[in-house]
């Protein structure tokens, strides 16, 4: 059974930084890419960032590139999200996700991902 476990969330003041981590476990786990999504209260879940292991290509949602950086270690089944210059509108539950192949659709879409973590709360105070 595959499990994704996020950590690193918390309360931070506007302008501050947080680093989220996600570790995947499971005897048969392997992934082609991993990513982060977030869901704010009353809003739909949205794409944050993804990384494809084969070429190290990264993708970012909206205007997050420049403030957020995704990185990871495929051999360790771990992905990170460094979040800088945080804003109150970044407040959300952040979910880690992994996809087994690249043939299941766009990295930006939830349906492309096969495994999901339980989420970690990030709260940015003004």
Protein backbone atom coordinates (compact mmCIF):
# COMPACT_ATOMS: atom_id res chain seq x y z
CA UNK A 1 0.00 0.00 0.00
CA UNK A 2 1.34 3.39 -1.00
CA UNK A 3 1.30 6.24 1.46
CA UNK A 4 2.21 9.87 0.99
CA UNK A 5 2.87 11.81 4.17
CA UNK A 6 3.24 15.57 4.20
CA UNK A 7 4.95 17.60 6.88
CA UNK A 8 6.19 21.11 7.48
CA UNK A 9 2.95 23.03 7.53
CA UNK A 10 2.12 25.55 10.20
CA UNK A 11 1.40 29.17 11.04
CA UNK A 12 3.64 31.86 9.61
CA UNK A 13 3.44 35.62 9.25
CA UNK A 14 3.09 37.25 5.88
CA UNK A 15 6.46 37.53 4.22
CA UNK A 16 7.76 34.44 5.95
CA UNK A 17 8.80 31.06 4.58
CA UNK A 18 7.90 27.43 5.02
CA UNK A 19 9.26 24.24 3.56
CA UNK A 20 6.88 21.36 3.02
CA UNK A 21 8.07 17.81 2.69
CA UNK A 22 6.34 14.75 1.34
CA UNK A 23 7.64 11.24 1.75
CA UNK A 24 6.19 8.33 -0.15
CA UNK A 25 6.34 4.79 1.11
CA UNK A 26 5.22 1.44 -0.12
CA UNK A 27 7.11 -1.58 -1.28
CA UNK A 28 6.09 -1.19 -4.90
CA UNK A 29 6.04 2.58 -5.08
CA UNK A 30 7.56 4.33 -8.01
CA UNK A 31 6.49 7.51 -9.71
CA UNK A 32 7.07 9.43 -12.89
CA UNK A 33 6.29 12.74 -11.23
CA UNK A 34 5.17 14.26 -7.97
CA UNK A 35 3.39 17.45 -7.26
CA UNK A 36 1.62 19.74 -4.85
CA UNK A 37 -1.92 21.03 -4.86
CA UNK A 38 -3.70 23.25 -2.38
CA UNK A 39 -7.24 23.93 -1.31
CA UNK A 40 -8.32 27.09 0.45
CA UNK A 41 -11.57 27.26 2.42
CA UNK A 42 -14.55 27.50 0.11
CA UNK A 43 -12.43 27.05 -3.00
CA UNK A 44 -11.59 24.23 -5.36
CA UNK A 45 -8.29 22.44 -5.10
CA UNK A 46 -5.70 24.04 -7.36
CA UNK A 47 -2.39 23.05 -8.83
CA UNK A 48 0.71 24.44 -7.15
CA UNK A 49 3.76 22.72 -8.63
CA UNK A 50 5.06 19.47 -10.06
CA UNK A 51 8.35 17.86 -10.89
CA UNK A 52 9.01 15.18 -13.48
CA UNK A 53 11.80 12.91 -12.40
CA UNK A 54 13.13 11.90 -15.80
CA UNK A 55 14.33 15.35 -16.84
CA UNK A 56 13.87 17.25 -13.60
CA UNK A 57 11.36 19.48 -15.33
CA UNK A 58 9.27 21.61 -13.03
CA UNK A 59 5.89 23.26 -13.48
CA UNK A 60 4.16 25.92 -11.44
CA UNK A 61 0.64 27.14 -11.18
CA UNK A 62 -0.41 30.71 -11.81
CA UNK A 63 2.08 33.25 -10.55
CA UNK A 64 3.68 31.03 -7.93
CA UNK A 65 6.98 30.59 -9.74
CA UNK A 66 9.45 32.91 -8.16
CA UNK A 67 8.01 32.48 -4.70
CA UNK A 68 7.60 28.69 -4.62
CA UNK A 69 10.21 26.13 -5.58
CA UNK A 70 9.62 22.41 -5.96
CA UNK A 71 12.47 19.95 -5.62
CA UNK A 72 12.94 16.36 -4.64
CA UNK A 73 14.83 13.15 -4.64
CA UNK A 74 13.33 10.37 -6.74
CA UNK A 75 15.55 7.74 -5.16
CA UNK A 76 14.19 8.68 -1.75
CA UNK A 77 10.61 9.13 -2.99
CA UNK A 78 10.58 12.57 -1.46
CA UNK A 79 9.43 15.92 -2.76
CA UNK A 80 9.73 19.36 -1.20
CA UNK A 81 8.01 22.68 -1.64
CA UNK A 82 9.92 25.75 -0.55
CA UNK A 83 7.53 28.65 -0.09
CA UNK A 84 8.91 32.15 0.32
CA UNK A 85 7.32 35.58 0.65
CA UNK A 86 4.13 33.97 1.83
CA UNK A 87 0.88 35.87 1.59
CA UNK A 88 -2.41 35.43 3.46
CA UNK A 89 -3.95 34.16 0.23
CA UNK A 90 -1.52 31.22 0.33
CA UNK A 91 -3.46 29.91 3.33
CA UNK A 92 -4.73 26.46 2.42
CA UNK A 93 -4.37 22.77 2.99
CA UNK A 94 -1.47 21.59 0.86
CA UNK A 95 -1.61 18.12 -0.65
CA UNK A 96 1.18 16.03 -2.05
CA UNK A 97 0.43 13.82 -5.03
CA UNK A 98 2.26 11.29 -7.17
CA UNK A 99 1.61 9.88 -10.60
CA UNK A 100 2.77 6.51 -11.88
CA UNK A 101 3.09 7.47 -15.52
CA UNK A 102 3.15 10.55 -17.69
CA UNK A 103 0.47 9.21 -19.96
CA UNK A 104 -2.41 9.97 -17.63
CA UNK A 105 -2.80 13.60 -18.55
CA UNK A 106 -1.42 17.00 -17.72
CA UNK A 107 0.68 17.59 -14.62
CA UNK A 108 -1.69 20.45 -13.84
CA UNK A 109 -4.73 18.20 -13.45
CA UNK A 110 -5.79 16.28 -10.37
CA UNK A 111 -6.99 13.31 -12.39
CA UNK A 112 -3.46 12.64 -13.62
CA UNK A 113 -2.31 11.67 -10.13
CA UNK A 114 -2.68 8.23 -8.64
CA UNK A 115 -1.74 8.79 -5.02
CA UNK A 116 -2.54 11.55 -2.56
CA UNK A 117 -1.46 12.55 0.90
CA UNK A 118 -3.77 13.64 3.67
CA UNK A 119 -2.68 17.26 3.48
CA UNK A 120 -0.91 19.71 5.73
CA UNK A 121 -2.33 23.04 6.84
CA UNK A 122 -0.52 26.24 5.97
CA UNK A 123 -1.81 29.41 7.57
CA UNK A 124 -0.35 32.80 6.74
CA UNK A 125 -1.32 35.64 9.05
CA UNK A 126 -1.37 39.27 7.96
